[in-house]
Amino acid sequence: MPQFQHAIARVAVWNLAGFQTTSDTRAARQAEGLALLDAELVTLVEVRPIEHIQNLADRLRDDYGVAYQVAILPQPASHLNIGFLYKPGVELTDIGFIPGSNGAYADGRLALAARVRIGGFKAVVVGVHLKSGRDKADQVLRDSQCAVIGQYLSTVRDTPGLGHHTLMLMGDFNMIPGQDVSNFHLLGGDDVMDFISCWDLQDRFSHILDRGRANLLDGFAISRTWSRDYVRGSLRLFPMHWTMNTDSEHPGMGRERFKQEVSDHLPFVASVRIF
């Protein structure tokens, strides 16, 4: 595998649709998608079973010659896990759940946080998978989760030794910009976070529905201060369904087929300076 020097690193997030059965065919497709995404750090949501993340790392190494390390913790009350894939050269430390971040949702997923260093880039990264559903009761449960996570982000910003780190929040928010206003307000902490996916990707979709419609349920946010290493304008929705070939004669894959064979979510990817 050729080796290159880089001035930036790519940070990505992707929901693997772990509520579906993860067959060998689906796992192979997901590994192919991750190889095409080729990010230095990937936050993965809905990892099920928990061993699936190591399976993906093994496939990436064996089939594509790309080495990834794995960091994941089993969710206490859910079979859908959050984990990180990261390349050699990326330092991940202090990996742990944010206590109480499942809020009032007893079966909810805890947010997973880690300290990250890539060259000169230092960050606290938080991966989330918030309560799904469009009813008022679902939004109220998300409020209880967002309040805890927002307070954690505010506390980190005020913590000596971490205050100048970039804060990066990413995952399946299960929130629609312009609709779940209270969720975004609480998740942002004490005016700490900038939800750049709401602005830079407002005309895009990340979640593919059965009815052919789609929405922007996934989210990506950075701290409003001390985030100078984020490359402005770099956040994009990665069109993984277009990059993957259906077969040797038919390039690209429609989003409906992608939903059936790979995932019902498309990933986000952003760039950060590491010099």
Protein backbone atom coordinates (compact mmCIF):
# COMPACT_ATOMS: atom_id res chain seq x y z
CA MET A 1 0.00 0.00 0.00
CA PRO A 2 1.49 3.41 -1.00
CA GLN A 3 2.22 5.82 1.85
CA PHE A 4 1.46 9.55 1.62
CA GLN A 5 2.06 12.56 3.79
CA HIS A 6 -0.97 14.72 4.59
CA ALA A 7 -1.61 18.22 5.92
CA ILE A 8 -5.21 17.36 6.80
CA ALA A 9 -7.05 14.40 8.29
CA ARG A 10 -10.61 13.31 7.52
CA VAL A 11 -13.14 12.68 10.27
CA ALA A 12 -16.31 10.80 9.37
CA VAL A 13 -19.47 9.41 10.93
CA TRP A 14 -21.75 6.67 9.64
CA ASN A 15 -24.80 4.76 10.88
CA LEU A 16 -24.44 1.09 9.87
CA ALA A 17 -28.16 0.21 10.19
CA GLY A 18 -27.39 -2.38 12.84
CA PHE A 19 -31.06 -3.05 13.47
CA GLN A 20 -30.92 -5.14 10.29
CA THR A 21 -29.24 -8.54 10.06
CA THR A 22 -25.58 -8.08 9.21
CA SER A 23 -24.89 -10.79 6.64
CA ASP A 24 -21.47 -11.49 5.14
CA THR A 25 -22.62 -9.73 1.97
CA ARG A 26 -23.68 -6.62 3.88
CA ALA A 27 -20.44 -6.64 5.90
CA ALA A 28 -18.40 -6.87 2.70
CA ARG A 29 -20.31 -3.95 1.20
CA GLN A 30 -19.87 -1.86 4.31
CA ALA A 31 -16.13 -2.54 4.34
CA GLU A 32 -15.96 -1.49 0.68
CA GLY A 33 -17.81 1.71 1.53
CA LEU A 34 -15.43 2.48 4.39
CA ALA A 35 -12.45 1.88 2.11
CA LEU A 36 -13.86 4.42 -0.36
CA LEU A 37 -14.60 6.85 2.45
CA ASP A 38 -10.97 6.43 3.58
CA ALA A 39 -11.20 8.62 6.69
CA GLU A 40 -8.56 8.68 9.40
CA LEU A 41 -11.19 8.58 12.16
CA VAL A 42 -14.68 7.14 11.74
CA THR A 43 -17.44 7.21 14.34
CA LEU A 44 -19.73 4.25 13.73
CA VAL A 45 -23.30 4.14 15.01
CA GLU A 46 -25.58 1.09 15.32
CA VAL A 47 -22.77 -1.43 15.56
CA ARG A 48 -24.44 -4.83 16.06
CA PRO A 49 -23.21 -7.26 17.12
CA ILE A 50 -20.40 -5.46 18.91
CA GLU A 51 -17.84 -7.76 17.20
CA HIS A 52 -18.94 -6.37 13.83
CA ILE A 53 -16.60 -3.40 14.14
CA GLN A 54 -13.58 -5.71 14.40
CA ASN A 55 -14.94 -7.69 11.46
CA LEU A 56 -14.96 -4.49 9.40
CA ALA A 57 -11.40 -3.63 10.49
CA ASP A 58 -10.25 -7.12 9.49
CA ARG A 59 -11.91 -6.84 6.07
CA LEU A 60 -10.40 -3.41 5.48
CA ARG A 61 -6.94 -4.79 6.26
CA ASP A 62 -7.28 -8.03 4.29
CA ASP A 63 -9.27 -6.81 1.28
CA TYR A 64 -8.06 -3.23 0.86
CA GLY A 65 -4.72 -3.05 2.67
CA VAL A 66 -5.96 -0.31 5.02
CA ALA A 67 -5.15 -0.68 8.72
CA TYR A 68 -7.62 0.48 11.35
CA GLN A 69 -7.66 0.14 15.09
CA VAL A 70 -10.91 -0.33 17.00
CA ALA A 71 -12.34 1.37 20.10
CA ILE A 72 -15.79 0.40 21.38
CA LEU A 73 -17.62 -0.17 24.63
CA PRO A 74 -20.77 -2.33 25.03
CA GLN A 75 -23.88 -0.28 25.65
CA PRO A 76 -25.38 -1.16 29.06
CA ALA A 77 -29.04 -1.08 27.94
CA SER A 78 -29.00 -1.41 24.15
CA HIS A 79 -27.79 -3.89 21.54
CA LEU A 80 -26.91 -0.99 19.21
CA ASN A 81 -23.39 0.24 19.98
CA ILE A 82 -21.22 3.24 19.12
CA GLY A 83 -17.54 2.80 18.28
CA PHE A 84 -14.52 4.30 16.56
CA LEU A 85 -12.29 3.11 13.73
CA TYR A 86 -8.98 4.98 13.54
CA LYS A 87 -5.82 4.67 11.51
CA PRO A 88 -2.28 4.35 12.87
CA GLY A 89 -1.07 7.83 13.75
CA VAL A 90 -4.38 8.74 15.37
CA GLU A 91 -4.23 8.74 19.18
CA LEU A 92 -7.46 7.88 21.01
CA THR A 93 -7.50 8.07 24.80
CA ASP A 94 -9.92 8.47 27.72
CA ILE A 95 -12.67 6.56 25.93
CA GLY A 96 -15.82 6.38 28.00
CA PHE A 97 -19.56 6.91 28.19
CA ILE A 98 -21.07 10.21 29.25
CA PRO A 99 -22.93 9.25 32.45
CA GLY A 100 -26.68 9.73 32.25
CA SER A 101 -26.64 10.62 28.56
CA ASN A 102 -29.46 8.18 27.84
CA GLY A 103 -31.61 10.70 29.72
CA ALA A 104 -35.09 9.55 30.71
CA TYR A 105 -35.00 6.86 28.01
CA ALA A 106 -34.21 3.75 30.06
CA ASP A 107 -33.28 1.66 27.01
CA GLY A 108 -31.39 4.47 25.34
CA ARG A 109 -27.80 4.59 24.12
CA LEU A 110 -25.14 6.40 26.11
CA ALA A 111 -23.02 8.92 24.23
CA LEU A 112 -19.39 7.79 23.78
CA ALA A 113 -16.59 10.34 24.21
CA ALA A 114 -12.85 10.19 23.54
CA ARG A 115 -9.84 12.48 23.42
CA VAL A 116 -8.26 12.54 19.96
CA ARG A 117 -4.89 13.72 18.77
CA ILE A 118 -3.70 13.67 15.15
CA GLY A 119 -0.46 15.56 14.71
CA GLY A 120 -1.16 19.07 15.97
CA PHE A 121 -4.92 18.56 16.07
CA LYS A 122 -6.43 17.97 19.51
CA ALA A 123 -10.12 17.33 20.10
CA VAL A 124 -12.75 15.77 22.29
CA VAL A 125 -15.01 13.71 20.05
CA VAL A 126 -18.50 12.64 21.12
CA GLY A 127 -20.51 10.02 19.21
CA VAL A 128 -24.26 9.92 19.80
CA HIS A 129 -27.32 7.89 18.88
CA LEU A 130 -30.33 9.74 20.25
CA LYS A 131 -33.94 8.60 20.69
CA SER A 132 -35.73 8.05 17.39
CA GLY A 133 -39.31 9.02 16.58
CA ARG A 134 -41.23 12.07 15.41
CA ASP A 135 -43.88 12.26 18.15
CA LYS A 136 -43.83 14.87 20.91
CA ALA A 137 -43.02 12.20 23.51
CA ASP A 138 -39.92 11.24 21.50
CA GLN A 139 -38.77 14.85 21.36
CA VAL A 140 -39.19 15.17 25.11
CA LEU A 141 -37.02 12.08 25.66
CA ARG A 142 -34.39 13.54 23.33
CA ASP A 143 -34.55 16.75 25.35
CA SER A 144 -33.53 14.77 28.43
CA GLN A 145 -30.59 13.24 26.53
CA CYS A 146 -29.53 16.50 24.89
CA ALA A 147 -29.52 18.36 28.20
CA VAL A 148 -26.98 15.94 29.69
CA ILE A 149 -24.74 15.91 26.61
CA GLY A 150 -24.92 19.70 26.27
CA GLN A 151 -23.90 20.10 29.91
CA TYR A 152 -20.98 17.72 29.37
CA LEU A 153 -19.78 19.78 26.41
CA SER A 154 -20.07 22.98 28.44
CA THR A 155 -18.09 21.39 31.28
CA VAL A 156 -15.34 20.21 28.93
CA ARG A 157 -15.06 23.69 27.48
CA ASP A 158 -14.45 25.06 31.00
CA THR A 159 -12.02 22.29 32.06
CA PRO A 160 -8.33 23.31 32.38
CA GLY A 161 -6.24 21.35 29.89
CA LEU A 162 -9.22 20.69 27.62
CA GLY A 163 -10.58 24.18 27.11
CA HIS A 164 -8.55 24.75 23.95
CA HIS A 165 -9.44 21.41 22.37
CA THR A 166 -11.84 21.36 19.45
CA LEU A 167 -15.15 19.78 20.44
CA MET A 168 -16.68 17.53 17.78
CA LEU A 169 -20.17 16.09 18.17
CA MET A 170 -21.44 13.64 15.59
CA GLY A 171 -23.80 10.74 15.07
CA ASP A 172 -27.41 9.88 14.52
CA PHE A 173 -29.16 12.83 16.12
CA ASN A 174 -32.61 11.61 15.01
CA MET A 175 -33.35 15.34 14.83
CA ILE A 176 -34.53 17.33 11.83
CA PRO A 177 -33.20 20.91 11.52
CA GLY A 178 -35.99 23.44 11.86
CA GLN A 179 -38.33 20.98 13.57
CA ASP A 180 -36.65 19.67 16.74
CA VAL A 181 -35.75 23.13 18.00
CA SER A 182 -35.65 22.32 21.72
CA ASN A 183 -33.36 19.34 21.05
CA PHE A 184 -30.80 21.46 19.21
CA HIS A 185 -30.99 24.21 21.84
CA LEU A 186 -30.19 21.81 24.69
CA LEU A 187 -27.62 19.76 22.76
CA GLY A 188 -25.59 22.88 22.03
CA GLY A 189 -24.85 23.43 25.71
CA ASP A 190 -24.20 26.97 26.92
CA ASP A 191 -23.93 28.32 23.36
CA VAL A 192 -20.94 26.00 22.91
CA MET A 193 -21.64 24.18 19.64
CA ASP A 194 -22.08 25.18 16.01
CA PHE A 195 -24.31 22.70 14.15
CA ILE A 196 -22.57 23.04 10.82
CA SER A 197 -24.50 20.16 9.24
CA CYS A 198 -27.68 22.25 9.60
CA TRP A 199 -26.13 25.00 7.50
CA ASP A 200 -23.66 23.40 5.12
CA LEU A 201 -25.88 20.39 4.33
CA GLN A 202 -29.34 21.91 4.59
CA ASP A 203 -30.29 20.86 1.05
CA ARG A 204 -29.00 17.28 1.46
CA PHE A 205 -30.29 14.08 3.06
CA SER A 206 -28.57 11.39 5.11
CA HIS A 207 -31.41 9.01 6.04
CA ILE A 208 -33.19 6.96 3.37
CA LEU A 209 -36.82 6.10 4.08
CA ASP A 210 -38.90 3.21 2.76
CA ARG A 211 -41.24 5.58 0.93
CA GLY A 212 -38.42 6.95 -1.18
CA ARG A 213 -38.22 10.20 0.76
CA ALA A 214 -35.22 11.19 2.82
CA ASN A 215 -34.22 13.64 5.55
CA LEU A 216 -31.22 14.96 7.44
CA LEU A 217 -31.43 12.98 10.69
CA ASP A 218 -27.68 12.69 11.20
CA GLY A 219 -25.69 15.58 12.58
CA PHE A 220 -22.20 17.06 12.84
CA ALA A 221 -21.24 19.94 15.13
CA ILE A 222 -18.03 21.65 16.22
CA SER A 223 -17.31 24.05 19.06
CA ARG A 224 -17.90 27.71 18.33
CA THR A 225 -14.52 28.60 19.83
CA TRP A 226 -11.11 26.89 19.55
CA SER A 227 -12.09 25.10 16.36
CA ARG A 228 -9.63 26.79 14.03
CA ASP A 229 -8.29 23.44 12.82
CA TYR A 230 -11.60 22.53 11.20
CA VAL A 231 -11.33 23.24 7.47
CA ARG A 232 -14.29 25.51 6.86
CA GLY A 233 -16.60 24.30 4.13
CA SER A 234 -15.14 20.79 4.14
CA LEU A 235 -18.13 19.01 5.70
CA ARG A 236 -20.00 17.07 3.07
CA LEU A 237 -22.38 14.20 2.74
CA PHE A 238 -20.38 11.36 1.19
CA PRO A 239 -22.42 9.86 -1.70
CA MET A 240 -21.41 6.30 -0.90
CA HIS A 241 -24.22 4.86 -3.03
CA TRP A 242 -22.73 6.55 -6.10
CA THR A 243 -19.19 5.39 -5.37
CA MET A 244 -20.08 1.69 -5.10
CA ASN A 245 -20.58 -0.37 -8.24
CA THR A 246 -23.60 -2.63 -8.60
CA ASP A 247 -21.47 -4.91 -10.77
CA SER A 248 -18.60 -4.64 -13.24
CA GLU A 249 -20.87 -3.26 -15.98
CA HIS A 250 -23.05 -0.92 -13.91
CA PRO A 251 -21.25 1.80 -11.96
CA GLY A 252 -23.04 3.38 -9.05
CA MET A 253 -25.93 2.16 -6.92
CA GLY A 254 -29.35 3.70 -6.43
CA ARG A 255 -30.20 4.80 -2.92
CA GLU A 256 -33.01 2.24 -2.60
CA ARG A 257 -30.65 -0.61 -3.38
CA PHE A 258 -28.04 0.93 -1.10
CA LYS A 259 -30.63 0.93 1.70
CA GLN A 260 -31.31 -2.78 1.12
CA GLU A 261 -27.72 -3.97 0.75
CA VAL A 262 -25.54 -1.56 2.76
CA SER A 263 -27.27 0.92 5.12
CA ASP A 264 -30.21 3.29 5.32
CA HIS A 265 -27.84 6.16 6.19
CA LEU A 266 -25.15 7.97 4.21
CA PRO A 267 -21.98 9.16 5.98
CA PHE A 268 -20.68 12.65 6.68
CA VAL A 269 -16.99 13.49 6.30
CA ALA A 270 -15.04 16.62 7.25
CA SER A 271 -11.40 17.70 7.20
CA VAL A 272 -9.18 19.09 9.96
CA ARG A 273 -5.70 20.62 9.85
CA ILE A 274 -3.06 18.48 11.54
CA PHE A 275 -0.04 20.79 11.10
